[in-house]
Amino acid sequence: MSKIFEERERAAEMLFVRAEEARFMMHCQGVRSLAAYAAWKLRIDEQGATAYARELLSAAMEGAKDEDLVERVRADLAAGGVIVDPASLRRELNRPTTQGVFAVGPAEPRQGAESRV
């Protein structure tokens, strides 16, 4: 009987790992989307846009928060003479995450949500 519980526990752990990996990939896609948006606004060529996306991804991997990324892109755009509302930058950053949550599910159960096991 304990073997069944161990298998269920492993399955639950695998589901958790897969969901976290999917969330991570969606966040990376959001950072890439934000970089592409900024590159388009600044009229940067494809090679420059790729390098800019790598810089933002590197900053995200080093622990930069979403707000830090938004502020950095806003400052880069302002330096290039482009004024953009930070809310639109946040929307661009969160676009893949918002779309992907339907495939992965919410990060945490809602308050008062019943268990469906």
Protein backbone atom coordinates (compact mmCIF):
# COMPACT_ATOMS: atom_id res chain seq x y z
CA MET A 1 0.00 0.00 0.00
CA SER A 2 2.87 2.41 0.73
CA LYS A 3 4.15 1.84 -2.81
CA ILE A 4 0.94 3.36 -4.18
CA PHE A 5 1.41 6.44 -1.99
CA GLU A 6 5.04 6.75 -3.05
CA GLU A 7 4.00 6.60 -6.70
CA ARG A 8 1.33 9.25 -6.12
CA GLU A 9 3.85 11.43 -4.32
CA ARG A 10 6.34 11.12 -7.21
CA ALA A 11 3.58 11.91 -9.69
CA ALA A 12 2.55 14.99 -7.72
CA GLU A 13 6.18 16.13 -7.53
CA MET A 14 6.58 15.67 -11.29
CA LEU A 15 3.43 17.69 -11.95
CA PHE A 16 4.77 20.46 -9.75
CA VAL A 17 8.16 20.43 -11.49
CA ARG A 18 6.56 20.53 -14.94
CA ALA A 19 4.27 23.41 -13.94
CA GLU A 20 7.21 25.39 -12.53
CA GLU A 21 9.26 24.75 -15.68
CA ALA A 22 6.33 25.95 -17.81
CA ARG A 23 5.97 29.10 -15.70
CA PHE A 24 9.70 29.77 -16.01
CA MET A 25 9.56 29.36 -19.78
CA MET A 26 6.53 31.67 -20.00
CA HIS A 27 8.38 34.31 -17.97
CA CYS A 28 11.38 34.04 -20.30
CA GLN A 29 9.04 34.42 -23.25
CA GLY A 30 7.59 37.53 -21.61
CA VAL A 31 11.07 39.02 -21.23
CA ARG A 32 11.78 38.24 -24.89
CA SER A 33 8.47 39.82 -25.87
CA LEU A 34 9.30 42.95 -23.88
CA ALA A 35 12.72 43.14 -25.55
CA ALA A 36 11.20 42.69 -29.01
CA TYR A 37 8.66 45.43 -28.29
CA ALA A 38 11.40 47.82 -27.18
CA ALA A 39 13.58 46.94 -30.17
CA TRP A 40 10.66 47.58 -32.50
CA LYS A 41 9.98 50.95 -30.86
CA LEU A 42 13.66 51.87 -31.11
CA ARG A 43 13.91 50.51 -34.67
CA ILE A 44 16.81 48.25 -33.78
CA ASP A 45 17.82 45.62 -36.34
CA GLU A 46 17.32 41.91 -35.69
CA GLN A 47 20.86 41.32 -34.46
CA GLY A 48 20.63 44.22 -32.02
CA ALA A 49 17.20 43.06 -30.86
CA THR A 50 18.58 39.58 -30.13
CA ALA A 51 21.46 41.04 -28.14
CA TYR A 52 19.06 43.28 -26.21
CA ALA A 53 16.83 40.29 -25.40
CA ARG A 54 19.88 38.40 -24.12
CA GLU A 55 20.79 41.33 -21.87
CA LEU A 56 17.29 41.44 -20.39
CA LEU A 57 17.18 37.66 -19.93
CA SER A 58 20.56 37.78 -18.25
CA ALA A 59 19.33 40.50 -15.89
CA ALA A 60 16.22 38.43 -15.12
CA MET A 61 18.34 35.33 -14.39
CA GLU A 62 20.53 37.40 -12.06
CA GLY A 63 17.47 38.23 -10.00
CA ALA A 64 16.09 41.44 -11.48
CA LYS A 65 12.42 41.83 -10.60
CA ASP A 66 9.80 42.49 -13.26
CA GLU A 67 9.57 46.14 -12.18
CA ASP A 68 13.34 46.48 -12.57
CA LEU A 69 13.10 45.14 -16.12
CA VAL A 70 10.20 47.46 -16.95
CA GLU A 71 12.10 50.45 -15.57
CA ARG A 72 15.25 49.51 -17.47
CA VAL A 73 13.35 49.20 -20.75
CA ARG A 74 11.47 52.44 -20.07
CA ALA A 75 14.80 54.21 -19.47
CA ASP A 76 16.30 52.69 -22.65
CA LEU A 77 13.29 53.82 -24.64
CA ALA A 78 13.43 57.30 -23.11
CA ALA A 79 17.13 57.52 -23.98
CA GLY A 80 16.16 56.71 -27.56
CA GLY A 81 13.54 59.44 -27.57
CA VAL A 82 10.55 57.11 -27.22
CA ILE A 83 8.10 57.75 -24.39
CA VAL A 84 6.08 54.69 -23.39
CA ASP A 85 3.71 54.20 -20.48
CA PRO A 86 5.12 51.68 -17.96
CA ALA A 87 1.72 49.96 -17.87
CA SER A 88 2.03 49.03 -21.54
CA LEU A 89 5.51 47.63 -20.87
CA ARG A 90 4.11 45.55 -18.00
CA ARG A 91 1.34 44.28 -20.27
CA GLU A 92 3.92 43.23 -22.85
CA LEU A 93 6.00 41.49 -20.18
CA ASN A 94 2.98 39.63 -18.80
CA ARG A 95 1.32 38.78 -22.12
CA PRO A 96 2.76 35.23 -22.50
CA THR A 97 2.22 34.53 -18.81
CA THR A 98 -1.41 35.58 -19.02
CA GLN A 99 -1.97 33.44 -22.10
CA GLY A 100 -0.11 30.46 -20.66
CA VAL A 101 -1.90 30.33 -17.32
CA PHE A 102 -4.83 28.64 -19.05
CA ALA A 103 -2.55 25.81 -20.14
CA VAL A 104 -0.73 25.41 -16.82
CA GLY A 105 -3.27 26.57 -14.25
CA PRO A 106 -3.03 29.17 -11.51
CA ALA A 107 0.15 29.42 -9.45
CA GLU A 108 -1.68 28.84 -6.17
CA PRO A 109 -5.17 27.66 -5.30
CA ARG A 110 -7.67 30.44 -4.74
CA GLN A 111 -8.88 31.17 -1.25
CA GLY A 112 -11.84 28.93 -0.47
CA ALA A 113 -11.28 26.75 -3.52
CA GLU A 114 -12.36 23.19 -2.99
CA SER A 115 -10.01 20.31 -3.64
CA ARG A 116 -10.93 18.31 -6.75
CA VAL A 117 -8.89 15.20 -6.06
